[in-house]
Amino acid sequence: MKQQRSSIYCSSRSFSNKLTLIAQAACRAHPEKATKHPHGDDAFFVGPDSVGVADGVSAWAQVDVDAGVYARELMSLCKEELDAMEGVKDPKMALQNAYKRSLSSKSSSLGTCTACVATLETDGLLRAANIGDSGFIVIRKGQFREAPGFDVEKSRGEGWEVVYRSADMQKFFNCPDQLGSGSPDRPARAESYELPVEAGDVLIVATDGLFDNFSDNEICITMKRLCSDLTSLKDVAFHQASSQTEGLSECLSEVATHFVEQSHVIGMSETARTPFTKHALRAGYFYEGGKLDDTAVVVALVAAKT
């Protein structure tokens, strides 16, 4: 799917019910960083109809700075900003305010990080702000049939397709835009997104530990394999989300955990053909296998409120 810097896809469906996000997250450090923090340099938050991830830039370790501390601080402040907003929750404004607070505090931490923050309005408008190579995708379960022009690659997702994804923001290969100490980048540089979503859509917000090892198509295939329980619950969730929250949350937690664990499995492979492999080759580097890294994944189902 061709990436775009900003876009809105149109839905032919409309819903009288208000929509909400049911979200769960998982995070795991690179094995070499696990002793300092179970999440390594990654961080995340899950709030009321809002989610976010950040990836601390590991190069700070060369000067004995734990960039994960800054990433966790920035995400905590983003959540505070969004929780305090009345009416429309603006992820870019939340990121801007959190960034200012993170640098103005007397106890502010050194470090830089990428960041992706997303919110859902009850009318089904998803808003997001992204800077760096963390990001989000929206996937939808559909029906594909063999016909003239049938896309074999798409069919491998077995009924799931990516209907939208954010674009990476990198200065050059493996050097993402980032916020924090000494970085010239500012939250105003973050890409903003507004797009309509439907009940049943799945939003995945994650650090590059996922996207470097899983292609979009592989994410769709994995969702098909994992989500028999989720699919049956979704049918009810369209109209009775509140009564199914506990069951949905458990399923979503399992999905997020699976993506994190498999990202590490692929990351340790010396032969896997991964998105990181392809990007390295395009940049003129020879690289084989996965890219083992800290990995944070938030999986959120768009569901209808009762």
Protein backbone atom coordinates (compact mmCIF):
# COMPACT_ATOMS: atom_id res chain seq x y z
CA MET A 1 0.00 0.00 0.00
CA LYS A 2 1.43 3.35 -0.99
CA GLN A 3 2.11 5.59 1.99
CA GLN A 4 0.69 9.08 2.02
CA ARG A 5 1.64 12.00 4.19
CA SER A 6 -1.93 12.93 5.00
CA SER A 7 -5.24 11.62 3.75
CA ILE A 8 -8.79 10.62 4.57
CA TYR A 9 -10.37 7.45 3.28
CA CYS A 10 -14.13 7.47 2.74
CA SER A 11 -16.49 4.98 4.30
CA SER A 12 -19.76 3.96 2.69
CA ARG A 13 -21.17 2.92 6.07
CA SER A 14 -22.64 5.20 8.71
CA PHE A 15 -23.45 4.45 12.31
CA SER A 16 -26.04 6.05 14.57
CA ASN A 17 -24.28 4.60 17.61
CA LYS A 18 -21.36 6.40 19.15
CA LEU A 19 -17.99 4.73 18.95
CA THR A 20 -15.31 4.00 21.52
CA LEU A 21 -11.86 2.40 21.71
CA ILE A 22 -11.25 -0.78 23.69
CA ALA A 23 -7.47 -1.02 23.94
CA GLN A 24 -4.76 -3.18 25.44
CA ALA A 25 -0.97 -2.95 25.22
CA ALA A 26 2.14 -5.08 25.56
CA CYS A 27 5.78 -4.03 25.72
CA ARG A 28 9.05 -5.90 25.99
CA ALA A 29 12.67 -4.80 26.14
CA HIS A 30 15.52 -5.98 23.99
CA PRO A 31 17.10 -8.79 26.07
CA GLU A 32 20.22 -6.69 26.68
CA LYS A 33 18.13 -3.85 28.15
CA ALA A 34 15.70 -5.90 30.23
CA THR A 35 17.73 -5.53 33.44
CA LYS A 36 17.38 -1.74 33.45
CA HIS A 37 13.64 -1.70 32.68
CA PRO A 38 11.20 -4.38 31.41
CA HIS A 39 10.19 -2.06 28.55
CA GLY A 40 13.71 -0.98 27.64
CA ASP A 41 13.60 2.40 25.90
CA ASP A 42 9.96 2.04 24.75
CA ALA A 43 6.91 3.47 26.48
CA PHE A 44 3.15 3.57 25.97
CA PHE A 45 -0.11 4.76 27.51
CA VAL A 46 -3.75 3.71 27.21
CA GLY A 47 -6.36 6.27 28.23
CA PRO A 48 -10.07 6.88 27.64
CA ASP A 49 -10.35 6.70 23.84
CA SER A 50 -6.67 7.64 23.50
CA VAL A 51 -3.43 5.69 23.10
CA GLY A 52 0.21 6.42 22.46
CA VAL A 53 3.69 4.94 22.10
CA ALA A 54 7.21 6.34 22.22
CA ASP A 55 10.61 4.87 21.42
CA GLY A 56 13.62 6.28 23.24
CA VAL A 57 16.64 6.68 20.96
CA SER A 58 19.17 4.11 22.10
CA ALA A 59 22.20 6.11 20.95
CA TRP A 60 21.94 8.06 24.23
CA ALA A 61 23.35 5.00 25.99
CA GLN A 62 26.73 5.95 24.54
CA VAL A 63 26.80 8.89 26.97
CA ASP A 64 25.23 6.92 29.84
CA VAL A 65 21.74 8.41 29.38
CA ASP A 66 18.65 6.19 29.61
CA ALA A 67 16.40 7.54 26.86
CA GLY A 68 13.60 5.27 28.07
CA VAL A 69 13.13 7.57 31.05
CA TYR A 70 12.36 10.48 28.74
CA ALA A 71 10.06 8.35 26.56
CA ARG A 72 8.04 7.26 29.60
CA GLU A 73 7.89 10.83 30.89
CA LEU A 74 6.63 12.17 27.57
CA MET A 75 3.91 9.51 27.30
CA SER A 76 2.76 10.14 30.87
CA LEU A 77 2.48 13.86 30.14
CA CYS A 78 0.61 13.20 26.88
CA LYS A 79 -1.96 11.16 28.75
CA GLU A 80 -2.35 13.92 31.35
CA GLU A 81 -2.87 16.50 28.61
CA LEU A 82 -5.50 14.41 26.81
CA ASP A 83 -7.33 13.51 30.03
CA ALA A 84 -7.57 17.23 30.86
CA MET A 85 -9.00 18.24 27.46
CA GLU A 86 -12.70 19.00 27.22
CA GLY A 87 -14.54 18.39 23.98
CA VAL A 88 -12.34 17.41 21.03
CA LYS A 89 -9.11 15.73 22.10
CA ASP A 90 -6.29 16.94 19.87
CA PRO A 91 -3.30 14.55 19.89
CA LYS A 92 -0.91 17.03 18.27
CA MET A 93 -1.77 19.73 20.81
CA ALA A 94 -1.34 17.17 23.59
CA LEU A 95 2.07 16.23 22.19
CA GLN A 96 3.09 19.89 21.92
CA ASN A 97 2.03 20.68 25.49
CA ALA A 98 3.63 17.52 26.86
CA TYR A 99 6.87 18.30 25.04
CA LYS A 100 7.01 21.82 26.51
CA ARG A 101 6.39 20.48 30.00
CA SER A 102 9.01 17.76 29.57
CA LEU A 103 11.72 20.33 28.84
CA SER A 104 10.64 23.03 31.28
CA SER A 105 10.43 20.84 34.39
CA LYS A 106 13.31 21.09 36.86
CA SER A 107 13.36 17.30 36.95
CA SER A 108 13.26 16.95 33.15
CA SER A 109 15.12 13.96 31.77
CA LEU A 110 17.78 13.91 29.08
CA GLY A 111 17.03 11.88 25.98
CA THR A 112 15.01 11.88 22.77
CA CYS A 113 12.25 9.67 21.41
CA THR A 114 9.86 9.12 18.56
CA ALA A 115 6.15 9.40 19.37
CA CYS A 116 2.74 8.44 18.01
CA VAL A 117 -0.49 9.52 19.75
CA ALA A 118 -4.05 8.72 18.60
CA THR A 119 -7.55 9.58 19.82
CA LEU A 120 -11.06 8.59 18.77
CA GLU A 121 -14.05 10.92 18.77
CA THR A 122 -17.44 9.38 19.48
CA ASP A 123 -18.57 10.20 15.94
CA GLY A 124 -15.89 7.86 14.57
CA LEU A 125 -13.18 10.38 13.66
CA LEU A 126 -9.71 9.06 14.43
CA ARG A 127 -7.08 11.73 15.05
CA ALA A 128 -3.37 11.02 15.27
CA ALA A 129 -0.02 12.76 15.47
CA ASN A 130 3.20 10.97 14.59
CA ILE A 131 6.86 11.90 14.53
CA GLY A 132 9.61 9.42 13.76
CA ASP A 133 9.37 5.74 12.86
CA SER A 134 6.79 4.66 15.40
CA GLY A 135 3.34 4.79 13.86
CA PHE A 136 -0.13 3.34 13.42
CA ILE A 137 -2.18 1.25 11.02
CA VAL A 138 -5.94 0.72 10.76
CA ILE A 139 -7.01 -2.72 9.59
CA ARG A 140 -10.47 -3.92 8.65
CA LYS A 141 -12.02 -7.33 8.14
CA GLY A 142 -13.55 -7.60 4.68
CA GLN A 143 -14.42 -10.17 2.05
CA PHE A 144 -12.20 -10.63 -1.01
CA ARG A 145 -13.33 -12.77 -3.93
CA GLU A 146 -11.45 -13.95 -6.97
CA ALA A 147 -12.34 -11.70 -9.87
CA PRO A 148 -10.66 -9.92 -12.79
CA GLY A 149 -7.82 -7.90 -11.33
CA PHE A 150 -7.85 -10.02 -8.16
CA ASP A 151 -4.91 -9.01 -5.94
CA VAL A 152 -3.17 -12.23 -4.86
CA GLU A 153 -0.94 -10.38 -2.38
CA LYS A 154 -3.95 -8.82 -0.68
CA SER A 155 -5.74 -12.17 -0.51
CA ARG A 156 -3.04 -13.54 1.74
CA GLY A 157 -4.48 -11.41 4.52
CA GLU A 158 -7.48 -13.72 4.30
CA GLY A 159 -10.14 -11.09 4.75
CA TRP A 160 -8.18 -8.43 6.66
CA GLU A 161 -6.71 -5.41 4.91
CA VAL A 162 -4.83 -2.30 5.92
CA VAL A 163 -7.09 0.63 5.11
CA TYR A 164 -4.70 3.26 6.42
CA ARG A 165 -1.18 3.62 7.81
CA SER A 166 1.00 6.49 8.96
CA ALA A 167 4.19 7.40 7.12
CA ASP A 168 7.67 7.09 8.62
CA MET A 169 9.54 10.32 9.26
CA GLN A 170 13.29 9.77 8.97
CA LYS A 171 16.20 12.08 8.19
CA PHE A 172 18.01 9.15 6.58
CA PHE A 173 18.00 5.37 6.95
CA ASN A 174 17.57 4.30 10.59
CA CYS A 175 17.71 7.88 11.85
CA PRO A 176 14.16 8.95 12.72
CA ASP A 177 12.90 12.41 13.54
CA GLN A 178 12.75 12.71 17.34
CA LEU A 179 11.74 14.95 20.22
CA GLY A 180 13.78 15.86 23.27
CA SER A 181 17.12 17.18 24.48
CA GLY A 182 19.20 18.85 21.79
CA SER A 183 17.01 17.69 18.90
CA PRO A 184 16.07 20.38 16.34
CA ASP A 185 12.74 18.62 15.76
CA ARG A 186 9.61 20.02 17.38
CA PRO A 187 6.09 18.63 17.78
CA ALA A 188 4.89 21.09 15.13
CA ARG A 189 6.79 18.90 12.66
CA ALA A 190 4.68 15.85 13.53
CA GLU A 191 2.32 14.60 10.83
CA SER A 192 -1.36 15.04 11.71
CA TYR A 193 -4.06 12.63 10.58
CA GLU A 194 -7.86 12.73 10.62
CA LEU A 195 -9.80 9.80 9.21
CA PRO A 196 -13.17 8.13 9.76
CA VAL A 197 -13.23 4.62 11.19
CA GLU A 198 -15.98 2.02 11.57
CA ALA A 199 -17.08 -0.30 14.34
CA GLY A 200 -14.98 -3.43 13.97
CA ASP A 201 -11.84 -1.65 12.74
CA VAL A 202 -8.64 -2.48 14.61
CA LEU A 203 -6.12 0.25 15.35
CA ILE A 204 -2.53 -0.83 16.00
CA VAL A 205 -0.13 1.80 17.37
CA ALA A 206 3.42 0.55 17.79
CA THR A 207 7.11 1.33 17.85
CA ASP A 208 9.46 0.24 15.08
CA GLY A 209 10.15 -3.02 16.91
CA LEU A 210 6.90 -4.23 15.30
CA PHE A 211 7.04 -2.50 11.92
CA ASP A 212 10.70 -3.40 11.25
CA ASN A 213 9.83 -7.10 11.55
CA PHE A 214 6.20 -7.37 10.37
CA SER A 215 5.00 -6.23 6.96
CA ASP A 216 1.46 -4.90 6.65
CA ASN A 217 0.39 -8.10 4.93
CA GLU A 218 1.93 -10.26 7.68
CA ILE A 219 0.03 -8.22 10.29
CA CYS A 220 -3.22 -8.96 8.43
CA ILE A 221 -2.43 -12.67 8.22
CA THR A 222 -1.61 -12.75 11.93
CA MET A 223 -4.86 -10.99 12.81
CA LYS A 224 -6.81 -13.62 10.88
CA ARG A 225 -5.04 -16.42 12.72
CA LEU A 226 -5.44 -14.88 16.18
CA CYS A 227 -8.87 -13.38 16.07
CA SER A 228 -11.49 -16.12 15.93
CA ASP A 229 -12.49 -15.20 19.50
CA LEU A 230 -12.19 -11.49 18.76
CA THR A 231 -14.31 -11.78 15.63
CA SER A 232 -17.17 -13.50 17.44
CA LEU A 233 -17.08 -10.88 20.17
CA LYS A 234 -16.97 -8.03 17.64
CA ASP A 235 -20.31 -9.07 16.20
CA VAL A 236 -21.83 -8.42 19.60
CA ALA A 237 -19.62 -5.42 20.31
CA PHE A 238 -21.10 -3.38 17.48
CA HIS A 239 -24.19 -2.83 19.62
CA GLN A 240 -23.25 -4.08 23.08
CA ALA A 241 -19.63 -3.04 23.60
CA SER A 242 -20.05 -2.21 27.28
CA SER A 243 -21.24 -5.71 28.17
CA GLN A 244 -18.32 -7.32 26.31
CA THR A 245 -15.47 -5.10 27.45
CA GLU A 246 -13.89 -7.68 29.74
CA GLY A 247 -13.84 -10.42 27.10
CA LEU A 248 -12.65 -8.05 24.40
CA SER A 249 -9.88 -6.67 26.59
CA GLU A 250 -8.57 -10.17 27.26
CA CYS A 251 -8.51 -10.98 23.53
CA LEU A 252 -6.83 -7.70 22.64
CA SER A 253 -4.21 -8.23 25.33
CA GLU A 254 -3.40 -11.64 23.83
CA VAL A 255 -3.10 -10.12 20.35
CA ALA A 256 -0.78 -7.33 21.55
CA THR A 257 1.36 -9.81 23.48
CA HIS A 258 1.61 -12.12 20.47
CA PHE A 259 2.80 -9.32 18.21
CA VAL A 260 5.45 -8.30 20.74
CA GLU A 261 6.70 -11.84 21.29
CA GLN A 262 6.77 -12.68 17.58
CA SER A 263 8.58 -9.43 16.81
CA HIS A 264 11.35 -10.67 19.10
CA VAL A 265 11.34 -14.12 17.50
CA ILE A 266 11.64 -12.61 14.02
CA GLY A 267 14.13 -10.06 15.31
CA MET A 268 16.49 -12.86 16.34
CA SER A 269 16.30 -14.56 12.95
CA GLU A 270 19.40 -14.32 10.78
CA THR A 271 17.57 -15.23 7.58
CA ALA A 272 14.10 -13.63 7.73
CA ARG A 273 13.15 -11.23 4.95
CA THR A 274 11.78 -8.31 6.90
CA PRO A 275 10.74 -4.73 6.15
CA PHE A 276 13.99 -3.61 7.81
CA THR A 277 15.96 -5.84 5.43
CA LYS A 278 14.25 -4.29 2.43
CA HIS A 279 14.71 -0.73 3.69
CA ALA A 280 18.40 -1.38 4.35
CA LEU A 281 18.92 -2.70 0.83
CA ARG A 282 17.17 0.31 -0.67
CA ALA A 283 19.51 2.55 1.33
CA GLY A 284 22.54 0.69 0.01
CA TYR A 285 23.26 -1.52 3.03
CA PHE A 286 23.49 -5.30 3.02
CA TYR A 287 21.46 -6.63 5.94
CA GLU A 288 19.98 -10.06 6.53
CA GLY A 289 17.43 -11.19 9.10
CA GLY A 290 15.21 -9.45 11.60
CA LYS A 291 15.97 -6.45 13.81
CA LEU A 292 15.74 -7.28 17.50
CA ASP A 293 14.59 -4.23 19.44
CA ASP A 294 12.43 -2.99 22.28
CA THR A 295 8.84 -3.38 21.12
CA ALA A 296 5.65 -1.65 22.28
CA VAL A 297 2.29 -2.52 20.70
CA VAL A 298 -1.16 -1.12 21.48
CA VAL A 299 -4.09 -2.96 19.89
CA ALA A 300 -7.45 -1.15 20.00
CA LEU A 301 -10.84 -2.24 18.69
CA VAL A 302 -13.29 0.39 17.48
CA ALA A 303 -16.61 -0.65 19.03
CA ALA A 304 -20.08 0.87 19.29
CA LYS A 305 -21.32 2.11 22.64
CA THR A 306 -24.73 1.01 23.82
